[in-house]
Structures are given as structure tokens and as C-alpha cells.
Amino acid sequence: MDIKDSRRMIIIKKTTSPFHIHGRVKVQVFHPEDVERKEPTFTDEGDNAVDTALLTGIRNFLKSSSGNSAYHLTYNLTSAVSSAQSGKNGIAVDTGVNIDQVNVADPGESATYEYNTNLMLHTKESGDSHANVPSSPGNRIDFIGQAVYPSGASNASSVTAFEVGVDWTAVTGYQNAGTDEGFADPYASYTATAFALAPGDLVRAEWSITIG
């Protein structure tokens, strides 16, 4: 009987840790009389959806050491009114209500109006930082913003859409006729449970994005 050597093939399978981007958003609304922000009339919390612009920014950071400042989210909103914030970065919430009416007619023609419906979360509480990277965990960045719903706006009955990003575009005049509001590079979005806003209400969003 022939004796044959038997050889055992050993397969080693290597695994790698998956790369995750996870965002968490907390939304609160406060009545104008609650000056200490202790009893929100509405609270919602959940996971955000990551936009491709954030993934593109990370990819470009890995492939090149130049031009990366274009992807920095320096929180620099200064007004709740959308049309005053073109080119700026931060958190916006679409109220679905005309907050800012802009004449987009060519000079000399009868007025034609477009509407900005986004509320820009441009302020913060004492002790807040609009954007900060905590020492632990070091792979997380937090964005915090809030704004008062304007006194001249109609009540908003069903607000759900939040977005954080860079380079805001707003309808600002005749040269921008037909331009939609929004960030040129939206990084993440969040759909809250529908809530209502009345003039004087304060909307606050705390947005954390963790990479890894």
C-alpha cells in the first residue's frame, strides 16, 4: 500500500475594522418666557444621515495635503436670516415658511419675489462653543447652534429638516433668481419628528459627528 503524505492548507483570514461615521442630533424648542432654557416644549434626538460631501472631504484630506481648508467647518453664522449668510457655515433648519422675502426682479422691472425659508442657528448660550473637538474622545466634533424664530414670520406648523454644512447659498437679489437655498457642501442632515414654531420660540440643535 502506497503511503502518501497529506498536507493541510491553513488559510489565515485577516479582518479590518470598519470605518464608521456616526452622527447624533438633539433638537430642543423653548418658549420665549423660558429665559433659563429649563423646560423645552419639544425635544427630539436621533441619528443623522451623512452626506457625500463629508466623505469627499475626508477622501481629499487623505489624498492631498493641500487645499484641505476648503472643507473646514468654521461655524461663522451671524444672523437668523438666510439671505444675510451666503458663503457661511453652520446649522440650518427649513421652516417651510417665508422668513425672508427678496426682490429678484431685474433693475427697472416690477418687483418679483423669491422666499428664503431657512432659519440659521447663529447664536449660542453662554459657555457653549459653536464647534469644538472634546479632548475625549478625540475623534468627535460637536456643533451647537440656536436661533429665535423671527417676530414677523407666520407660525410654522411642521418643521423637520436640519442640515449642517459649509458655504451657504441663499436667494439674495436679481442675480440669484432661481437659486435654491442650501449648503454648497452639506455634511449631514437630520429629520426630526415634526414640530411647530411660533414667533419668539428658540430652536436649539446639538450635533455630534464621530469618525471611527
C-alpha atoms as a PDB file:
ATOM      1  CA  MET A   1       0.000   0.000   0.000  1.00  0.00           C
ATOM      2  CA  ASP A   2       1.359   3.331  -1.001  1.00  0.00           C
ATOM      3  CA  ILE A   3       1.598   5.846   1.753  1.00  0.00           C
ATOM      4  CA  LYS A   4       1.011   9.372   0.663  1.00  0.00           C
ATOM      5  CA  ASP A   5       1.805  12.474   2.661  1.00  0.00           C
ATOM      6  CA  SER A   6      -1.191  14.514   3.466  1.00  0.00           C
ATOM      7  CA  ARG A   7      -0.751  18.232   3.661  1.00  0.00           C
ATOM      8  CA  ARG A   8      -3.121  20.569   5.318  1.00  0.00           C
ATOM      9  CA  MET A   9      -3.640  24.017   3.864  1.00  0.00           C
ATOM     10  CA  ILE A  10      -4.003  26.705   6.504  1.00  0.00           C
ATOM     11  CA  ILE A  11      -5.893  29.805   5.485  1.00  0.00           C
ATOM     12  CA  ILE A  12      -5.497  32.887   7.617  1.00  0.00           C
ATOM     13  CA  LYS A  13      -8.231  35.418   7.138  1.00  0.00           C
ATOM     14  CA  LYS A  14      -7.402  38.961   8.090  1.00  0.00           C
ATOM     15  CA  THR A  15     -10.122  41.326   9.186  1.00  0.00           C
ATOM     16  CA  THR A  16     -10.019  45.056   9.307  1.00  0.00           C
ATOM     17  CA  SER A  17     -12.021  47.399  11.479  1.00  0.00           C
ATOM     18  CA  PRO A  18     -14.833  49.043   9.529  1.00  0.00           C
ATOM     19  CA  PHE A  19     -14.652  52.805   9.056  1.00  0.00           C
ATOM     20  CA  HIS A  20     -17.698  54.465  10.538  1.00  0.00           C
ATOM     21  CA  ILE A  21     -19.039  57.986  10.532  1.00  0.00           C
ATOM     22  CA  HIS A  22     -21.786  58.362  13.085  1.00  0.00           C
ATOM     23  CA  GLY A  23     -23.766  61.482  13.862  1.00  0.00           C
ATOM     24  CA  ARG A  24     -26.158  62.190  16.687  1.00  0.00           C
ATOM     25  CA  VAL A  25     -28.502  65.194  16.868  1.00  0.00           C
ATOM     26  CA  LYS A  26     -30.522  66.643  19.726  1.00  0.00           C
ATOM     27  CA  VAL A  27     -33.171  69.268  18.930  1.00  0.00           C
ATOM     28  CA  GLN A  28     -34.991  71.379  21.510  1.00  0.00           C
ATOM     29  CA  VAL A  29     -37.535  74.208  21.354  1.00  0.00           C
ATOM     30  CA  PHE A  30     -38.058  76.700  24.178  1.00  0.00           C
ATOM     31  CA  HIS A  31     -40.899  79.148  24.812  1.00  0.00           C
ATOM     32  CA  PRO A  32     -39.899  82.837  24.869  1.00  0.00           C
ATOM     33  CA  GLU A  33     -40.742  83.094  28.580  1.00  0.00           C
ATOM     34  CA  ASP A  34     -38.351  80.247  29.473  1.00  0.00           C
ATOM     35  CA  VAL A  35     -35.315  82.511  29.609  1.00  0.00           C
ATOM     36  CA  GLU A  36     -33.249  79.957  31.557  1.00  0.00           C
ATOM     37  CA  ARG A  37     -33.923  77.192  28.995  1.00  0.00           C
ATOM     38  CA  LYS A  38     -35.036  74.682  31.630  1.00  0.00           C
ATOM     39  CA  GLU A  39     -38.323  73.334  30.248  1.00  0.00           C
ATOM     40  CA  PRO A  40     -38.263  72.654  26.486  1.00  0.00           C
ATOM     41  CA  THR A  41     -41.655  72.491  24.796  1.00  0.00           C
ATOM     42  CA  PHE A  42     -40.221  69.981  22.320  1.00  0.00           C
ATOM     43  CA  THR A  43     -37.270  67.556  22.402  1.00  0.00           C
ATOM     44  CA  ASP A  44     -36.141  65.138  19.723  1.00  0.00           C
ATOM     45  CA  GLU A  45     -32.966  63.074  19.406  1.00  0.00           C
ATOM     46  CA  GLY A  46     -31.688  60.642  16.780  1.00  0.00           C
ATOM     47  CA  ASP A  47     -29.079  59.671  14.203  1.00  0.00           C
ATOM     48  CA  ASN A  48     -28.169  61.911  11.275  1.00  0.00           C
ATOM     49  CA  ALA A  49     -27.649  60.938   7.627  1.00  0.00           C
ATOM     50  CA  VAL A  50     -24.122  61.547   6.295  1.00  0.00           C
ATOM     51  CA  ASP A  51     -23.877  63.435   3.005  1.00  0.00           C
ATOM     52  CA  THR A  52     -21.379  62.575   0.261  1.00  0.00           C
ATOM     53  CA  ALA A  53     -19.719  65.983   0.674  1.00  0.00           C
ATOM     54  CA  LEU A  54     -18.353  64.898   4.056  1.00  0.00           C
ATOM     55  CA  LEU A  55     -16.988  61.668   2.591  1.00  0.00           C
ATOM     56  CA  THR A  56     -15.434  63.633  -0.269  1.00  0.00           C
ATOM     57  CA  GLY A  57     -13.763  65.956   2.214  1.00  0.00           C
ATOM     58  CA  ILE A  58     -12.251  63.032   4.118  1.00  0.00           C
ATOM     59  CA  ARG A  59     -11.075  61.418   0.883  1.00  0.00           C
ATOM     60  CA  ASN A  60      -9.420  64.628  -0.287  1.00  0.00           C
ATOM     61  CA  PHE A  61      -7.762  65.059   3.081  1.00  0.00           C
ATOM     62  CA  LEU A  62      -6.211  61.601   2.762  1.00  0.00           C
ATOM     63  CA  LYS A  63      -5.017  62.023  -0.818  1.00  0.00           C
ATOM     64  CA  SER A  64      -3.538  65.518  -0.593  1.00  0.00           C
ATOM     65  CA  SER A  65      -2.064  67.893   1.958  1.00  0.00           C
ATOM     66  CA  SER A  66      -3.113  70.992   0.044  1.00  0.00           C
ATOM     67  CA  GLY A  67      -6.474  72.698  -0.199  1.00  0.00           C
ATOM     68  CA  ASN A  68      -7.951  70.941   2.820  1.00  0.00           C
ATOM     69  CA  SER A  69      -9.019  74.210   4.430  1.00  0.00           C
ATOM     70  CA  ALA A  70     -11.847  74.299   1.889  1.00  0.00           C
ATOM     71  CA  TYR A  71     -13.523  71.533   3.908  1.00  0.00           C
ATOM     72  CA  HIS A  72     -13.152  73.118   7.355  1.00  0.00           C
ATOM     73  CA  LEU A  73     -16.472  73.836   9.004  1.00  0.00           C
ATOM     74  CA  THR A  74     -15.718  77.094  10.773  1.00  0.00           C
ATOM     75  CA  TYR A  75     -19.037  77.930  12.436  1.00  0.00           C
ATOM     76  CA  ASN A  76     -19.488  81.575  11.423  1.00  0.00           C
ATOM     77  CA  LEU A  77     -23.222  82.251  11.064  1.00  0.00           C
ATOM     78  CA  THR A  78     -24.125  85.731  12.320  1.00  0.00           C
ATOM     79  CA  SER A  79     -27.849  86.113  11.621  1.00  0.00           C
ATOM     80  CA  ALA A  80     -31.039  84.053  11.662  1.00  0.00           C
ATOM     81  CA  VAL A  81     -31.923  85.496   8.238  1.00  0.00           C
ATOM     82  CA  SER A  82     -30.782  83.208   5.441  1.00  0.00           C
ATOM     83  CA  SER A  83     -30.131  85.871   2.797  1.00  0.00           C
ATOM     84  CA  ALA A  84     -27.532  87.528   5.046  1.00  0.00           C
ATOM     85  CA  GLN A  85     -25.499  84.324   5.420  1.00  0.00           C
ATOM     86  CA  SER A  86     -24.267  83.485   1.906  1.00  0.00           C
ATOM     87  CA  GLY A  87     -20.893  81.750   1.982  1.00  0.00           C
ATOM     88  CA  LYS A  88     -21.096  80.893   5.695  1.00  0.00           C
ATOM     89  CA  ASN A  89     -21.084  77.624   7.616  1.00  0.00           C
ATOM     90  CA  GLY A  90     -23.170  76.071  10.392  1.00  0.00           C
ATOM     91  CA  ILE A  91     -26.609  74.571  11.012  1.00  0.00           C
ATOM     92  CA  ALA A  92     -29.804  75.497   9.161  1.00  0.00           C
ATOM     93  CA  VAL A  93     -33.392  74.388   9.718  1.00  0.00           C
ATOM     94  CA  ASP A  94     -36.023  74.613   6.986  1.00  0.00           C
ATOM     95  CA  THR A  95     -39.215  76.012   8.489  1.00  0.00           C
ATOM     96  CA  GLY A  96     -41.271  75.762   5.305  1.00  0.00           C
ATOM     97  CA  VAL A  97     -42.418  79.341   5.966  1.00  0.00           C
ATOM     98  CA  ASN A  98     -41.406  82.580   4.272  1.00  0.00           C
ATOM     99  CA  ILE A  99     -38.891  84.127   6.685  1.00  0.00           C
ATOM    100  CA  ASP A 100     -37.111  86.416   4.245  1.00  0.00           C
ATOM    101  CA  GLN A 101     -38.700  87.964   1.136  1.00  0.00           C
ATOM    102  CA  VAL A 102     -36.253  89.066  -1.578  1.00  0.00           C
ATOM    103  CA  ASN A 103     -36.950  91.062  -4.744  1.00  0.00           C
ATOM    104  CA  VAL A 104     -35.281  89.190  -7.611  1.00  0.00           C
ATOM    105  CA  ALA A 105     -36.551  91.372 -10.486  1.00  0.00           C
ATOM    106  CA  ASP A 106     -34.046  92.975 -12.842  1.00  0.00           C
ATOM    107  CA  PRO A 107     -33.406  96.673 -12.171  1.00  0.00           C
ATOM    108  CA  GLY A 108     -36.240  98.823 -13.504  1.00  0.00           C
ATOM    109  CA  GLU A 109     -38.762  95.968 -13.665  1.00  0.00           C
ATOM    110  CA  SER A 110     -41.733  95.336 -11.397  1.00  0.00           C
ATOM    111  CA  ALA A 111     -40.903  93.532  -8.178  1.00  0.00           C
ATOM    112  CA  THR A 112     -40.782  89.737  -8.297  1.00  0.00           C
ATOM    113  CA  TYR A 113     -40.209  87.968  -5.005  1.00  0.00           C
ATOM    114  CA  GLU A 114     -38.419  84.782  -4.015  1.00  0.00           C
ATOM    115  CA  TYR A 115     -38.506  83.431  -0.486  1.00  0.00           C
ATOM    116  CA  ASN A 116     -35.951  82.089   1.949  1.00  0.00           C
ATOM    117  CA  THR A 117     -37.476  79.581   4.364  1.00  0.00           C
ATOM    118  CA  ASN A 118     -34.425  78.522   6.380  1.00  0.00           C
ATOM    119  CA  LEU A 119     -33.677  79.641   9.908  1.00  0.00           C
ATOM    120  CA  MET A 120     -29.936  79.881  10.562  1.00  0.00           C
ATOM    121  CA  LEU A 121     -28.875  78.706  14.034  1.00  0.00           C
ATOM    122  CA  HIS A 122     -26.400  81.508  14.603  1.00  0.00           C
ATOM    123  CA  THR A 123     -26.307  82.136  18.359  1.00  0.00           C
ATOM    124  CA  LYS A 124     -25.230  80.141  21.419  1.00  0.00           C
ATOM    125  CA  GLU A 125     -25.693  80.089  25.171  1.00  0.00           C
ATOM    126  CA  SER A 126     -23.014  81.420  27.497  1.00  0.00           C
ATOM    127  CA  GLY A 127     -20.486  78.634  27.935  1.00  0.00           C
ATOM    128  CA  ASP A 128     -21.341  76.979  24.600  1.00  0.00           C
ATOM    129  CA  SER A 129     -18.887  76.720  21.766  1.00  0.00           C
ATOM    130  CA  HIS A 130     -20.414  76.642  18.291  1.00  0.00           C
ATOM    131  CA  ALA A 131     -17.908  73.999  17.243  1.00  0.00           C
ATOM    132  CA  ASN A 132     -15.382  72.172  19.389  1.00  0.00           C
ATOM    133  CA  VAL A 133     -13.378  68.970  19.498  1.00  0.00           C
ATOM    134  CA  PRO A 134     -13.522  67.448  23.000  1.00  0.00           C
ATOM    135  CA  SER A 135     -10.298  66.017  24.380  1.00  0.00           C
ATOM    136  CA  SER A 136     -12.074  62.706  24.882  1.00  0.00           C
ATOM    137  CA  PRO A 137     -12.998  61.152  22.584  1.00  0.00           C
ATOM    138  CA  GLY A 138     -10.672  62.947  20.199  1.00  0.00           C
ATOM    139  CA  ASN A 139     -12.441  61.573  17.123  1.00  0.00           C
ATOM    140  CA  ARG A 140     -15.645  63.540  17.754  1.00  0.00           C
ATOM    141  CA  ILE A 141     -16.616  67.091  16.874  1.00  0.00           C
ATOM    142  CA  ASP A 142     -19.642  68.888  18.275  1.00  0.00           C
ATOM    143  CA  PHE A 143     -21.627  71.663  16.626  1.00  0.00           C
ATOM    144  CA  ILE A 144     -24.070  73.704  18.720  1.00  0.00           C
ATOM    145  CA  GLY A 145     -26.319  76.444  17.395  1.00  0.00           C
ATOM    146  CA  GLN A 146     -29.620  78.123  18.167  1.00  0.00           C
ATOM    147  CA  ALA A 147     -31.842  80.937  16.915  1.00  0.00           C
ATOM    148  CA  VAL A 148     -35.075  82.736  17.760  1.00  0.00           C
ATOM    149  CA  TYR A 149     -37.907  82.336  15.270  1.00  0.00           C
ATOM    150  CA  PRO A 150     -38.478  85.861  13.834  1.00  0.00           C
ATOM    151  CA  SER A 151     -41.344  88.016  15.053  1.00  0.00           C
ATOM    152  CA  GLY A 152     -42.505  88.872  11.528  1.00  0.00           C
ATOM    153  CA  ALA A 153     -42.857  85.268  10.344  1.00  0.00           C
ATOM    154  CA  SER A 154     -46.055  83.233  10.262  1.00  0.00           C
ATOM    155  CA  ASN A 155     -46.338  80.205  12.527  1.00  0.00           C
ATOM    156  CA  ALA A 156     -44.560  77.132  11.179  1.00  0.00           C
ATOM    157  CA  SER A 157     -46.718  74.025  11.605  1.00  0.00           C
ATOM    158  CA  SER A 158     -44.451  71.141  10.568  1.00  0.00           C
ATOM    159  CA  VAL A 159     -40.694  71.638  10.912  1.00  0.00           C
ATOM    160  CA  THR A 160     -38.485  68.569  10.391  1.00  0.00           C
ATOM    161  CA  ALA A 161     -35.413  69.272   8.221  1.00  0.00           C
ATOM    162  CA  PHE A 162     -31.997  70.170   9.707  1.00  0.00           C
ATOM    163  CA  GLU A 163     -28.683  70.377   7.879  1.00  0.00           C
ATOM    164  CA  VAL A 164     -25.060  71.112   8.813  1.00  0.00           C
ATOM    165  CA  GLY A 165     -22.586  72.159   6.136  1.00  0.00           C
ATOM    166  CA  VAL A 166     -20.331  74.762   4.574  1.00  0.00           C
ATOM    167  CA  ASP A 167     -20.769  77.602   2.057  1.00  0.00           C
ATOM    168  CA  TRP A 168     -24.430  78.570   2.391  1.00  0.00           C
ATOM    169  CA  THR A 169     -26.243  79.762  -0.732  1.00  0.00           C
ATOM    170  CA  ALA A 170     -29.286  81.992  -0.337  1.00  0.00           C
ATOM    171  CA  VAL A 171     -31.562  83.933  -2.661  1.00  0.00           C
ATOM    172  CA  THR A 172     -30.184  87.464  -2.248  1.00  0.00           C
ATOM    173  CA  GLY A 173     -31.251  89.502  -5.287  1.00  0.00           C
ATOM    174  CA  TYR A 174     -31.997  89.533  -9.011  1.00  0.00           C
ATOM    175  CA  GLN A 175     -28.656  87.960  -9.912  1.00  0.00           C
ATOM    176  CA  ASN A 176     -29.607  84.925  -7.809  1.00  0.00           C
ATOM    177  CA  ALA A 177     -33.107  84.450  -9.218  1.00  0.00           C
ATOM    178  CA  GLY A 178     -33.970  80.766  -9.353  1.00  0.00           C
ATOM    179  CA  THR A 179     -31.180  79.784  -6.943  1.00  0.00           C
ATOM    180  CA  ASP A 180     -32.264  77.299  -4.308  1.00  0.00           C
ATOM    181  CA  GLU A 181     -31.258  77.750  -0.696  1.00  0.00           C
ATOM    182  CA  GLY A 182     -28.767  75.286   0.723  1.00  0.00           C
ATOM    183  CA  PHE A 183     -25.168  74.483   1.545  1.00  0.00           C
ATOM    184  CA  ALA A 184     -22.798  74.022  -1.381  1.00  0.00           C
ATOM    185  CA  ASP A 185     -21.270  71.188   0.681  1.00  0.00           C
ATOM    186  CA  PRO A 186     -23.843  69.706   3.074  1.00  0.00           C
ATOM    187  CA  TYR A 187     -22.089  67.368   5.518  1.00  0.00           C
ATOM    188  CA  ALA A 188     -25.061  65.754   7.249  1.00  0.00           C
ATOM    189  CA  SER A 189     -28.808  66.045   7.580  1.00  0.00           C
ATOM    190  CA  TYR A 190     -31.352  65.167  10.233  1.00  0.00           C
ATOM    191  CA  THR A 191     -35.099  64.640  10.022  1.00  0.00           C
ATOM    192  CA  ALA A 192     -36.761  65.418  13.324  1.00  0.00           C
ATOM    193  CA  THR A 193     -40.235  64.490  14.436  1.00  0.00           C
ATOM    194  CA  ALA A 194     -42.446  67.298  13.117  1.00  0.00           C
ATOM    195  CA  PHE A 195     -42.822  70.240  15.479  1.00  0.00           C
ATOM    196  CA  ALA A 196     -44.360  73.714  15.388  1.00  0.00           C
ATOM    197  CA  LEU A 197     -42.773  77.146  15.813  1.00  0.00           C
ATOM    198  CA  ALA A 198     -44.293  80.474  16.787  1.00  0.00           C
ATOM    199  CA  PRO A 199     -42.550  83.855  16.716  1.00  0.00           C
ATOM    200  CA  GLY A 200     -40.217  84.195  19.688  1.00  0.00           C
ATOM    201  CA  ASP A 201     -39.608  80.448  20.110  1.00  0.00           C
ATOM    202  CA  LEU A 202     -35.968  79.431  20.363  1.00  0.00           C
ATOM    203  CA  VAL A 203     -34.706  76.435  18.348  1.00  0.00           C
ATOM    204  CA  ARG A 204     -31.538  74.723  19.558  1.00  0.00           C
ATOM    205  CA  ALA A 205     -29.554  71.893  17.922  1.00  0.00           C
ATOM    206  CA  GLU A 206     -26.630  69.952  19.384  1.00  0.00           C
ATOM    207  CA  TRP A 207     -24.913  67.945  16.645  1.00  0.00           C
ATOM    208  CA  SER A 208     -22.102  65.447  17.275  1.00  0.00           C
ATOM    209  CA  ILE A 209     -20.219  63.643  14.499  1.00  0.00           C
ATOM    210  CA  THR A 210     -17.875  60.795  15.415  1.00  0.00           C
ATOM    211  CA  ILE A 211     -15.403  59.286  12.946  1.00  0.00           C
ATOM    212  CA  GLY A 212     -14.156  55.791  13.636  1.00  0.00           C
END
